PDB file of N, CA and C in Angstrom:
ATOM      1  N   UNK A   1       0.844  -1.187   0.000  1.00  0.00           N
ATOM      2  CA  UNK A   1       0.000   0.000   0.000  1.00  0.00           C
ATOM      3  C   UNK A   1       0.879   1.236   0.000  1.00  0.00           C
ATOM      4  N   UNK A   2       0.391   2.327  -0.605  1.00  0.00           N
ATOM      5  CA  UNK A   2       1.150   3.572  -0.506  1.00  0.00           C
ATOM      6  C   UNK A   2       1.220   4.000   0.961  1.00  0.00           C
ATOM      7  N   UNK A   3       2.328   4.567   1.355  1.00  0.00           N
ATOM      8  CA  UNK A   3       2.456   5.061   2.726  1.00  0.00           C
ATOM      9  C   UNK A   3       1.385   6.122   2.967  1.00  0.00           C
ATOM     10  N   UNK A   4       0.933   6.230   4.218  1.00  0.00           N
ATOM     11  CA  UNK A   4      -0.147   7.151   4.562  1.00  0.00           C
ATOM     12  C   UNK A   4       0.195   8.600   4.248  1.00  0.00           C
ATOM     13  N   UNK A   5       1.479   8.952   4.307  1.00  0.00           N
ATOM     14  CA  UNK A   5       1.888  10.337   4.074  1.00  0.00           C
ATOM     15  C   UNK A   5       1.846  10.743   2.603  1.00  0.00           C
ATOM     16  N   UNK A   6       1.760   9.765   1.701  1.00  0.00           N
ATOM     17  CA  UNK A   6       1.803  10.065   0.275  1.00  0.00           C
ATOM     18  C   UNK A   6       0.417  10.308  -0.295  1.00  0.00           C
ATOM     19  N   UNK A   7       0.352  11.216  -1.237  1.00  0.00           N
ATOM     20  CA  UNK A   7      -0.886  11.484  -1.947  1.00  0.00           C
ATOM     21  C   UNK A   7      -1.268  10.253  -2.771  1.00  0.00           C
ATOM     22  N   UNK A   8      -2.534   9.877  -2.727  1.00  0.00           N
ATOM     23  CA  UNK A   8      -3.035   8.736  -3.485  1.00  0.00           C
ATOM     24  C   UNK A   8      -4.153   9.240  -4.398  1.00  0.00           C
ATOM     25  N   UNK A   9      -3.801   9.783  -5.584  1.00  0.00           N
ATOM     26  CA  UNK A   9      -4.826  10.370  -6.451  1.00  0.00           C
ATOM     27  C   UNK A   9      -5.886   9.374  -6.898  1.00  0.00           C
ATOM     28  N   UNK A  10      -5.512   8.134  -7.108  1.00  0.00           N
ATOM     29  CA  UNK A  10      -6.493   7.127  -7.521  1.00  0.00           C
ATOM     30  C   UNK A  10      -7.482   6.871  -6.382  1.00  0.00           C
ATOM     31  N   UNK A  11      -6.975   6.753  -5.160  1.00  0.00           N
ATOM     32  CA  UNK A  11      -7.845   6.568  -4.004  1.00  0.00           C
ATOM     33  C   UNK A  11      -8.764   7.756  -3.794  1.00  0.00           C
ATOM     34  N   UNK A  12      -8.234   8.963  -3.983  1.00  0.00           N
ATOM     35  CA  UNK A  12      -9.031  10.185  -3.846  1.00  0.00           C
ATOM     36  C   UNK A  12     -10.163  10.211  -4.880  1.00  0.00           C
ATOM     37  N   UNK A  13      -9.858   9.831  -6.115  1.00  0.00           N
ATOM     38  CA  UNK A  13     -10.878   9.809  -7.168  1.00  0.00           C
ATOM     39  C   UNK A  13     -11.978   8.805  -6.839  1.00  0.00           C
ATOM     40  N   UNK A  14     -11.605   7.628  -6.347  1.00  0.00           N
ATOM     41  CA  UNK A  14     -12.599   6.609  -5.990  1.00  0.00           C
ATOM     42  C   UNK A  14     -13.439   7.090  -4.809  1.00  0.00           C
ATOM     43  N   UNK A  15     -12.794   7.697  -3.813  1.00  0.00           N
ATOM     44  CA  UNK A  15     -13.537   8.216  -2.657  1.00  0.00           C
ATOM     45  C   UNK A  15     -14.558   9.262  -3.103  1.00  0.00           C
ATOM     46  N   UNK A  16     -14.152  10.164  -4.000  1.00  0.00           N
ATOM     47  CA  UNK A  16     -15.080  11.180  -4.503  1.00  0.00           C
ATOM     48  C   UNK A  16     -16.249  10.538  -5.246  1.00  0.00           C
ATOM     49  N   UNK A  17     -15.974   9.529  -6.055  1.00  0.00           N
ATOM     50  CA  UNK A  17     -17.037   8.843  -6.787  1.00  0.00           C
ATOM     51  C   UNK A  17     -18.004   8.142  -5.834  1.00  0.00           C
ATOM     52  N   UNK A  18     -17.474   7.523  -4.793  1.00  0.00           N
ATOM     53  CA  UNK A  18     -18.331   6.871  -3.794  1.00  0.00           C
ATOM     54  C   UNK A  18     -19.212   7.894  -3.087  1.00  0.00           C
ATOM     55  N   UNK A  19     -18.640   9.041  -2.736  1.00  0.00           N
ATOM     56  CA  UNK A  19     -19.426  10.088  -2.081  1.00  0.00           C
ATOM     57  C   UNK A  19     -20.544  10.578  -2.996  1.00  0.00           C
ATOM     58  N   UNK A  20     -20.216  10.780  -4.270  1.00  0.00           N
ATOM     59  CA  UNK A  20     -21.232  11.238  -5.224  1.00  0.00           C
ATOM     60  C   UNK A  20     -22.361  10.225  -5.379  1.00  0.00           C
ATOM     61  N   UNK A  21     -22.048   8.931  -5.195  1.00  0.00           N
ATOM     62  CA  UNK A  21     -23.088   7.908  -5.347  1.00  0.00           C
ATOM     63  C   UNK A  21     -23.807   7.609  -4.025  1.00  0.00           C
ATOM     64  N   UNK A  22     -23.575   8.469  -3.024  1.00  0.00           N
ATOM     65  CA  UNK A  22     -24.352   8.343  -1.794  1.00  0.00           C
ATOM     66  C   UNK A  22     -23.658   7.670  -0.631  1.00  0.00           C
ATOM     67  N   UNK A  23     -22.428   7.283  -0.775  1.00  0.00           N
ATOM     68  CA  UNK A  23     -21.716   6.583   0.299  1.00  0.00           C
ATOM     69  C   UNK A  23     -20.886   7.577   1.112  1.00  0.00           C
ATOM     70  N   UNK A  24     -21.577   8.460   1.803  1.00  0.00           N
ATOM     71  CA  UNK A  24     -20.929   9.537   2.568  1.00  0.00           C
ATOM     72  C   UNK A  24     -20.191   9.018   3.797  1.00  0.00           C
ATOM     73  N   UNK A  25     -20.512   7.795   4.245  1.00  0.00           N
ATOM     74  CA  UNK A  25     -19.891   7.249   5.457  1.00  0.00           C
ATOM     75  C   UNK A  25     -18.428   6.858   5.236  1.00  0.00           C
ATOM     76  N   UNK A  26     -17.992   6.743   3.992  1.00  0.00           N
ATOM     77  CA  UNK A  26     -16.609   6.371   3.683  1.00  0.00           C
ATOM     78  C   UNK A  26     -15.756   7.629   3.735  1.00  0.00           C
ATOM     79  N   UNK A  27     -14.781   7.650   4.636  1.00  0.00           N
ATOM     80  CA  UNK A  27     -13.991   8.865   4.839  1.00  0.00           C
ATOM     81  C   UNK A  27     -12.772   8.941   3.931  1.00  0.00           C
ATOM     82  N   UNK A  28     -12.239   7.799   3.508  1.00  0.00           N
ATOM     83  CA  UNK A  28     -11.053   7.813   2.644  1.00  0.00           C
ATOM     84  C   UNK A  28     -10.910   6.457   1.959  1.00  0.00           C
ATOM     85  N   UNK A  29     -10.211   6.466   0.840  1.00  0.00           N
ATOM     86  CA  UNK A  29      -9.910   5.233   0.105  1.00  0.00           C
ATOM     87  C   UNK A  29      -8.429   5.251  -0.221  1.00  0.00           C
ATOM     88  N   UNK A  30      -7.757   4.141  -0.007  1.00  0.00           N
ATOM     89  CA  UNK A  30      -6.357   3.972  -0.395  1.00  0.00           C
ATOM     90  C   UNK A  30      -6.317   2.816  -1.377  1.00  0.00           C
ATOM     91  N   UNK A  31      -5.627   2.980  -2.483  1.00  0.00           N
ATOM     92  CA  UNK A  31      -5.543   1.935  -3.493  1.00  0.00           C
ATOM     93  C   UNK A  31      -4.087   1.493  -3.589  1.00  0.00           C
ATOM     94  N   UNK A  32      -3.868   0.206  -3.480  1.00  0.00           N
ATOM     95  CA  UNK A  32      -2.512  -0.339  -3.546  1.00  0.00           C
ATOM     96  C   UNK A  32      -2.430  -1.458  -4.558  1.00  0.00           C
ATOM     97  N   UNK A  33      -1.492  -2.345  -4.329  1.00  0.00           N
ATOM     98  CA  UNK A  33      -1.342  -3.485  -5.230  1.00  0.00           C
ATOM     99  C   UNK A  33      -1.329  -4.767  -4.421  1.00  0.00           C
ATOM    100  N   UNK A  34      -1.627  -5.826  -5.093  1.00  0.00           N
ATOM    101  CA  UNK A  34      -1.635  -7.150  -4.476  1.00  0.00           C
ATOM    102  C   UNK A  34      -0.719  -8.031  -5.303  1.00  0.00           C
ATOM    103  N   UNK A  35       0.164  -8.721  -4.633  1.00  0.00           N
ATOM    104  CA  UNK A  35       1.070  -9.660  -5.298  1.00  0.00           C
ATOM    105  C   UNK A  35       0.772 -11.044  -4.735  1.00  0.00           C
ATOM    106  N   UNK A  36       0.536 -12.002  -5.625  1.00  0.00           N
ATOM    107  CA  UNK A  36       0.252 -13.373  -5.207  1.00  0.00           C
ATOM    108  C   UNK A  36       1.425 -14.266  -5.551  1.00  0.00           C
ATOM    109  N   UNK A  37       1.831 -15.071  -4.593  1.00  0.00           N
ATOM    110  CA  UNK A  37       2.856 -16.096  -4.811  1.00  0.00           C
ATOM    111  C   UNK A  37       2.152 -17.445  -4.711  1.00  0.00           C
ATOM    112  N   UNK A  38       2.260 -18.252  -5.744  1.00  0.00           N
ATOM    113  CA  UNK A  38       1.587 -19.556  -5.770  1.00  0.00           C
ATOM    114  C   UNK A  38       2.615 -20.672  -5.602  1.00  0.00           C
ATOM    115  N   UNK A  39       2.241 -21.702  -4.856  1.00  0.00           N
ATOM    116  CA  UNK A  39       3.095 -22.862  -4.622  1.00  0.00           C
ATOM    117  C   UNK A  39       2.375 -24.112  -5.130  1.00  0.00           C
ATOM    118  N   UNK A  40       3.150 -25.088  -5.594  1.00  0.00           N
ATOM    119  CA  UNK A  40       2.587 -26.363  -6.045  1.00  0.00           C
ATOM    120  C   UNK A  40       2.605 -27.403  -4.937  1.00  0.00           C
ATOM    121  N   UNK A  41       2.675 -26.939  -3.722  1.00  0.00           N
ATOM    122  CA  UNK A  41       2.729 -27.827  -2.553  1.00  0.00           C
ATOM    123  C   UNK A  41       2.158 -27.085  -1.361  1.00  0.00           C
ATOM    124  N   UNK A  42       2.076 -27.764  -0.229  1.00  0.00           N
ATOM    125  CA  UNK A  42       1.609 -27.143   1.014  1.00  0.00           C
ATOM    126  C   UNK A  42       2.572 -26.031   1.433  1.00  0.00           C
ATOM    127  N   UNK A  43       2.044 -24.908   1.854  1.00  0.00           N
ATOM    128  CA  UNK A  43       2.867 -23.775   2.282  1.00  0.00           C
ATOM    129  C   UNK A  43       3.307 -23.988   3.726  1.00  0.00           C
ATOM    130  N   UNK A  44       4.593 -23.781   3.973  1.00  0.00           N
ATOM    131  CA  UNK A  44       5.149 -23.977   5.318  1.00  0.00           C
ATOM    132  C   UNK A  44       5.356 -22.628   6.007  1.00  0.00           C
ATOM    133  N   UNK A  45       5.633 -22.669   7.305  1.00  0.00           N
ATOM    134  CA  UNK A  45       5.955 -21.451   8.055  1.00  0.00           C
ATOM    135  C   UNK A  45       7.196 -20.782   7.482  1.00  0.00           C
ATOM    136  N   UNK A  46       8.156 -21.586   7.023  1.00  0.00           N
ATOM    137  CA  UNK A  46       9.366 -21.033   6.413  1.00  0.00           C
ATOM    138  C   UNK A  46       9.025 -20.292   5.115  1.00  0.00           C
ATOM    139  N   UNK A  47       8.093 -20.839   4.328  1.00  0.00           N
ATOM    140  CA  UNK A  47       7.642 -20.162   3.108  1.00  0.00           C
ATOM    141  C   UNK A  47       7.040 -18.796   3.431  1.00  0.00           C
ATOM    142  N   UNK A  48       6.224 -18.745   4.477  1.00  0.00           N
ATOM    143  CA  UNK A  48       5.590 -17.486   4.868  1.00  0.00           C
ATOM    144  C   UNK A  48       6.644 -16.479   5.321  1.00  0.00           C
ATOM    145  N   UNK A  49       7.603 -16.931   6.117  1.00  0.00           N
ATOM    146  CA  UNK A  49       8.679 -16.043   6.562  1.00  0.00           C
ATOM    147  C   UNK A  49       9.477 -15.522   5.370  1.00  0.00           C
ATOM    148  N   UNK A  50       9.782 -16.400   4.423  1.00  0.00           N
ATOM    149  CA  UNK A  50      10.506 -15.980   3.220  1.00  0.00           C
ATOM    150  C   UNK A  50       9.679 -15.007   2.389  1.00  0.00           C
ATOM    151  N   UNK A  51       8.376 -15.237   2.282  1.00  0.00           N
ATOM    152  CA  UNK A  51       7.508 -14.344   1.519  1.00  0.00           C
ATOM    153  C   UNK A  51       7.473 -12.956   2.153  1.00  0.00           C
ATOM    154  N   UNK A  52       7.422 -12.901   3.487  1.00  0.00           N
ATOM    155  CA  UNK A  52       7.444 -11.605   4.171  1.00  0.00           C
ATOM    156  C   UNK A  52       8.743 -10.863   3.893  1.00  0.00           C
ATOM    157  N   UNK A  53       9.848 -11.600   3.913  1.00  0.00           N
ATOM    158  CA  UNK A  53      11.151 -10.988   3.628  1.00  0.00           C
ATOM    159  C   UNK A  53      11.206 -10.498   2.184  1.00  0.00           C
ATOM    160  N   UNK A  54      10.753 -11.315   1.243  1.00  0.00           N
ATOM    161  CA  UNK A  54      10.738 -10.927  -0.168  1.00  0.00           C
ATOM    162  C   UNK A  54       9.832  -9.720  -0.394  1.00  0.00           C
ATOM    163  N   UNK A  55       8.688  -9.695   0.286  1.00  0.00           N
ATOM    164  CA  UNK A  55       7.766  -8.571   0.141  1.00  0.00           C
ATOM    165  C   UNK A  55       8.414  -7.269   0.600  1.00  0.00           C
ATOM    166  N   UNK A  56       9.116  -7.321   1.719  1.00  0.00           N
ATOM    167  CA  UNK A  56       9.725  -6.114   2.275  1.00  0.00           C
ATOM    168  C   UNK A  56      10.976  -5.685   1.516  1.00  0.00           C
ATOM    169  N   UNK A  57      11.762  -6.647   1.051  1.00  0.00           N
ATOM    170  CA  UNK A  57      13.071  -6.326   0.474  1.00  0.00           C
ATOM    171  C   UNK A  57      13.101  -6.283  -1.046  1.00  0.00           C
ATOM    172  N   UNK A  58      12.160  -6.961  -1.706  1.00  0.00           N
ATOM    173  CA  UNK A  58      12.246  -7.116  -3.156  1.00  0.00           C
ATOM    174  C   UNK A  58      10.984  -6.699  -3.902  1.00  0.00           C
ATOM    175  N   UNK A  59       9.814  -7.063  -3.377  1.00  0.00           N
ATOM    176  CA  UNK A  59       8.563  -6.870  -4.102  1.00  0.00           C
ATOM    177  C   UNK A  59       7.928  -5.501  -3.882  1.00  0.00           C
ATOM    178  N   UNK A  60       8.437  -4.747  -2.929  1.00  0.00           N
ATOM    179  CA  UNK A  60       7.882  -3.414  -2.671  1.00  0.00           C
ATOM    180  C   UNK A  60       9.005  -2.392  -2.583  1.00  0.00           C
ATOM    181  N   UNK A  61       8.637  -1.149  -2.758  1.00  0.00           N
ATOM    182  CA  UNK A  61       9.575  -0.034  -2.622  1.00  0.00           C
ATOM    183  C   UNK A  61       9.336   0.569  -1.248  1.00  0.00           C
ATOM    184  N   UNK A  62      10.212   0.279  -0.298  1.00  0.00           N
ATOM    185  CA  UNK A  62       9.963   0.683   1.089  1.00  0.00           C
ATOM    186  C   UNK A  62      10.019   2.190   1.312  1.00  0.00           C
ATOM    187  N   UNK A  63      10.424   2.939   0.317  1.00  0.00           N
ATOM    188  CA  UNK A  63      10.404   4.395   0.436  1.00  0.00           C
ATOM    189  C   UNK A  63       8.975   4.918   0.350  1.00  0.00           C
ATOM    190  N   UNK A  64       8.156   4.301  -0.493  1.00  0.00           N
ATOM    191  CA  UNK A  64       6.800   4.809  -0.713  1.00  0.00           C
ATOM    192  C   UNK A  64       5.692   3.810  -0.398  1.00  0.00           C
ATOM    193  N   UNK A  65       6.041   2.548  -0.062  1.00  0.00           N
ATOM    194  CA  UNK A  65       5.017   1.531   0.169  1.00  0.00           C
ATOM    195  C   UNK A  65       5.246   0.816   1.498  1.00  0.00           C
ATOM    196  N   UNK A  66       4.150   0.373   2.097  1.00  0.00           N
ATOM    197  CA  UNK A  66       4.181  -0.483   3.274  1.00  0.00           C
ATOM    198  C   UNK A  66       3.643  -1.855   2.882  1.00  0.00           C
ATOM    199  N   UNK A  67       4.264  -2.909   3.382  1.00  0.00           N
ATOM    200  CA  UNK A  67       3.729  -4.249   3.215  1.00  0.00           C
ATOM    201  C   UNK A  67       2.681  -4.413   4.316  1.00  0.00           C
ATOM    202  N   UNK A  68       1.454  -4.604   3.915  1.00  0.00           N
ATOM    203  CA  UNK A  68       0.355  -4.637   4.868  1.00  0.00           C
ATOM    204  C   UNK A  68       0.158  -6.029   5.447  1.00  0.00           C
ATOM    205  N   UNK A  69       0.214  -7.062   4.600  1.00  0.00           N
ATOM    206  CA  UNK A  69      -0.065  -8.410   5.078  1.00  0.00           C
ATOM    207  C   UNK A  69       0.530  -9.439   4.138  1.00  0.00           C
ATOM    208  N   UNK A  70       0.921 -10.547   4.730  1.00  0.00           N
ATOM    209  CA  UNK A  70       1.282 -11.748   3.978  1.00  0.00           C
ATOM    210  C   UNK A  70       0.406 -12.847   4.560  1.00  0.00           C
ATOM    211  N   UNK A  71      -0.467 -13.414   3.739  1.00  0.00           N
ATOM    212  CA  UNK A  71      -1.417 -14.411   4.205  1.00  0.00           C
ATOM    213  C   UNK A  71      -1.424 -15.633   3.300  1.00  0.00           C
ATOM    214  N   UNK A  72      -1.986 -16.713   3.800  1.00  0.00           N
ATOM    215  CA  UNK A  72      -2.173 -17.929   3.026  1.00  0.00           C
ATOM    216  C   UNK A  72      -3.658 -18.088   2.763  1.00  0.00           C
ATOM    217  N   UNK A  73      -4.028 -18.234   1.490  1.00  0.00           N
ATOM    218  CA  UNK A  73      -5.416 -18.463   1.127  1.00  0.00           C
ATOM    219  C   UNK A  73      -5.536 -19.836   0.503  1.00  0.00           C
ATOM    220  N   UNK A  74      -6.600 -20.508   0.799  1.00  0.00           N
ATOM    221  CA  UNK A  74      -6.824 -21.851   0.229  1.00  0.00           C
ATOM    222  C   UNK A  74      -7.619 -21.767  -1.042  1.00  0.00           C
TER     223      UNK A  74
END
């Protein structure tokens, strides 16, 4: 996700559109990216730890982005 301090014009545009369509209860929208890593086997705790490291060090730009979550989905 973009860091909270950075301007998110896409999120701002979506928030404005939601407000115009009657969703006044939404105070802000942040738009980020999602990266999926797929395995051909059962995911281990070591895989999750490695994915977190890869997300922080390789898959994101830590100057402008925060890694929000690394999860396993079935």
